[in-house]
Amino acid sequence: MKLSPYHERVVNVMEEGVKFTLLTRDCASDLVDRHSERRESAGALPRRVNLRSI
Protein backbone atom coordinates (compact mmCIF):
# COMPACT_ATOMS: atom_id res chain seq x y z
CA MET A 1 0.00 0.00 0.00
CA LYS A 2 1.38 3.40 -0.97
CA LEU A 3 1.96 6.02 1.69
CA SER A 4 -1.14 8.18 1.78
CA PRO A 5 -3.66 9.53 4.27
CA TYR A 6 -5.64 6.32 3.76
CA HIS A 7 -2.57 4.24 4.69
CA GLU A 8 -2.08 6.34 7.83
CA ARG A 9 -5.72 5.81 8.80
CA VAL A 10 -5.45 2.04 8.35
CA VAL A 11 -2.33 1.96 10.52
CA ASN A 12 -4.05 4.06 13.21
CA VAL A 13 -7.10 1.80 13.27
CA MET A 14 -4.93 -1.32 13.54
CA GLU A 15 -2.95 0.20 16.41
CA GLU A 16 -6.18 1.04 18.25
CA GLY A 17 -7.38 -2.53 17.72
CA VAL A 18 -4.20 -3.93 19.26
CA LYS A 19 -4.42 -1.53 22.21
CA PHE A 20 -8.06 -2.42 22.82
CA THR A 21 -7.22 -6.13 22.70
CA LEU A 22 -4.41 -5.73 25.21
CA LEU A 23 -6.55 -3.63 27.55
CA THR A 24 -9.52 -6.00 27.49
CA ARG A 25 -7.66 -9.33 27.43
CA ASP A 26 -7.98 -9.90 31.19
CA CYS A 27 -11.73 -9.28 31.23
CA ALA A 28 -12.58 -11.15 28.01
CA SER A 29 -14.74 -13.69 29.84
CA ASP A 30 -16.98 -10.85 31.07
CA LEU A 31 -17.19 -9.23 27.64
CA VAL A 32 -18.20 -12.38 25.75
CA ASP A 33 -20.65 -13.69 28.35
CA ARG A 34 -24.17 -13.45 26.89
CA HIS A 35 -27.37 -13.90 28.82
CA SER A 36 -29.05 -15.82 26.01
CA GLU A 37 -26.19 -18.33 25.85
CA ARG A 38 -26.16 -18.87 29.63
CA ARG A 39 -29.91 -19.48 29.52
CA GLU A 40 -29.72 -22.23 26.88
CA SER A 41 -29.03 -25.79 27.84
CA ALA A 42 -25.66 -27.25 26.92
CA GLY A 43 -27.14 -29.33 24.10
CA ALA A 44 -29.37 -26.61 22.64
CA LEU A 45 -26.59 -24.23 21.63
CA PRO A 46 -24.76 -26.60 19.22
CA ARG A 47 -28.08 -27.58 17.64
CA ARG A 48 -29.09 -23.93 17.22
CA VAL A 49 -25.86 -22.90 15.53
CA ASN A 50 -25.52 -26.23 13.71
CA LEU A 51 -21.99 -27.00 14.92
CA ARG A 52 -20.25 -30.11 13.65
CA SER A 53 -17.01 -31.67 14.82
CA ILE A 54 -14.21 -31.21 12.39
C-alpha atoms as a PDB file:
ATOM      1  CA  MET A   1       0.000   0.000   0.000  1.00  0.00           C
ATOM      2  CA  LYS A   2       1.380   3.397  -0.973  1.00  0.00           C
ATOM      3  CA  LEU A   3       1.960   6.017   1.688  1.00  0.00           C
ATOM      4  CA  SER A   4      -1.137   8.178   1.781  1.00  0.00           C
ATOM      5  CA  PRO A   5      -3.662   9.534   4.273  1.00  0.00           C
ATOM      6  CA  TYR A   6      -5.635   6.315   3.755  1.00  0.00           C
ATOM      7  CA  HIS A   7      -2.569   4.242   4.692  1.00  0.00           C
ATOM      8  CA  GLU A   8      -2.075   6.336   7.826  1.00  0.00           C
ATOM      9  CA  ARG A   9      -5.718   5.806   8.803  1.00  0.00           C
ATOM     10  CA  VAL A  10      -5.453   2.035   8.349  1.00  0.00           C
ATOM     11  CA  VAL A  11      -2.328   1.959  10.523  1.00  0.00           C
ATOM     12  CA  ASN A  12      -4.050   4.062  13.205  1.00  0.00           C
ATOM     13  CA  VAL A  13      -7.099   1.798  13.267  1.00  0.00           C
ATOM     14  CA  MET A  14      -4.926  -1.320  13.536  1.00  0.00           C
ATOM     15  CA  GLU A  15      -2.950   0.204  16.410  1.00  0.00           C
ATOM     16  CA  GLU A  16      -6.175   1.040  18.255  1.00  0.00           C
ATOM     17  CA  GLY A  17      -7.376  -2.533  17.719  1.00  0.00           C
ATOM     18  CA  VAL A  18      -4.204  -3.928  19.262  1.00  0.00           C
ATOM     19  CA  LYS A  19      -4.416  -1.531  22.211  1.00  0.00           C
ATOM     20  CA  PHE A  20      -8.059  -2.419  22.821  1.00  0.00           C
ATOM     21  CA  THR A  21      -7.215  -6.128  22.696  1.00  0.00           C
ATOM     22  CA  LEU A  22      -4.408  -5.728  25.212  1.00  0.00           C
ATOM     23  CA  LEU A  23      -6.548  -3.632  27.553  1.00  0.00           C
ATOM     24  CA  THR A  24      -9.522  -6.000  27.489  1.00  0.00           C
ATOM     25  CA  ARG A  25      -7.658  -9.330  27.431  1.00  0.00           C
ATOM     26  CA  ASP A  26      -7.976  -9.899  31.193  1.00  0.00           C
ATOM     27  CA  CYS A  27     -11.733  -9.278  31.235  1.00  0.00           C
ATOM     28  CA  ALA A  28     -12.579 -11.155  28.008  1.00  0.00           C
ATOM     29  CA  SER A  29     -14.744 -13.687  29.840  1.00  0.00           C
ATOM     30  CA  ASP A  30     -16.980 -10.853  31.071  1.00  0.00           C
ATOM     31  CA  LEU A  31     -17.187  -9.231  27.637  1.00  0.00           C
ATOM     32  CA  VAL A  32     -18.197 -12.379  25.746  1.00  0.00           C
ATOM     33  CA  ASP A  33     -20.647 -13.689  28.348  1.00  0.00           C
ATOM     34  CA  ARG A  34     -24.170 -13.447  26.892  1.00  0.00           C
ATOM     35  CA  HIS A  35     -27.369 -13.898  28.821  1.00  0.00           C
ATOM     36  CA  SER A  36     -29.047 -15.823  26.010  1.00  0.00           C
ATOM     37  CA  GLU A  37     -26.192 -18.333  25.849  1.00  0.00           C
ATOM     38  CA  ARG A  38     -26.157 -18.872  29.625  1.00  0.00           C
ATOM     39  CA  ARG A  39     -29.906 -19.481  29.518  1.00  0.00           C
ATOM     40  CA  GLU A  40     -29.720 -22.227  26.877  1.00  0.00           C
ATOM     41  CA  SER A  41     -29.032 -25.792  27.838  1.00  0.00           C
ATOM     42  CA  ALA A  42     -25.659 -27.254  26.918  1.00  0.00           C
ATOM     43  CA  GLY A  43     -27.142 -29.330  24.095  1.00  0.00           C
ATOM     44  CA  ALA A  44     -29.367 -26.610  22.639  1.00  0.00           C
ATOM     45  CA  LEU A  45     -26.593 -24.226  21.631  1.00  0.00           C
ATOM     46  CA  PRO A  46     -24.758 -26.597  19.223  1.00  0.00           C
ATOM     47  CA  ARG A  47     -28.083 -27.580  17.645  1.00  0.00           C
ATOM     48  CA  ARG A  48     -29.087 -23.934  17.223  1.00  0.00           C
ATOM     49  CA  VAL A  49     -25.860 -22.898  15.533  1.00  0.00           C
ATOM     50  CA  ASN A  50     -25.517 -26.234  13.714  1.00  0.00           C
ATOM     51  CA  LEU A  51     -21.995 -27.000  14.922  1.00  0.00           C
ATOM     52  CA  ARG A  52     -20.251 -30.113  13.651  1.00  0.00           C
ATOM     53  CA  SER A  53     -17.009 -31.671  14.821  1.00  0.00           C
ATOM     54  CA  ILE A  54     -14.211 -31.205  12.389  1.00  0.00           C
END
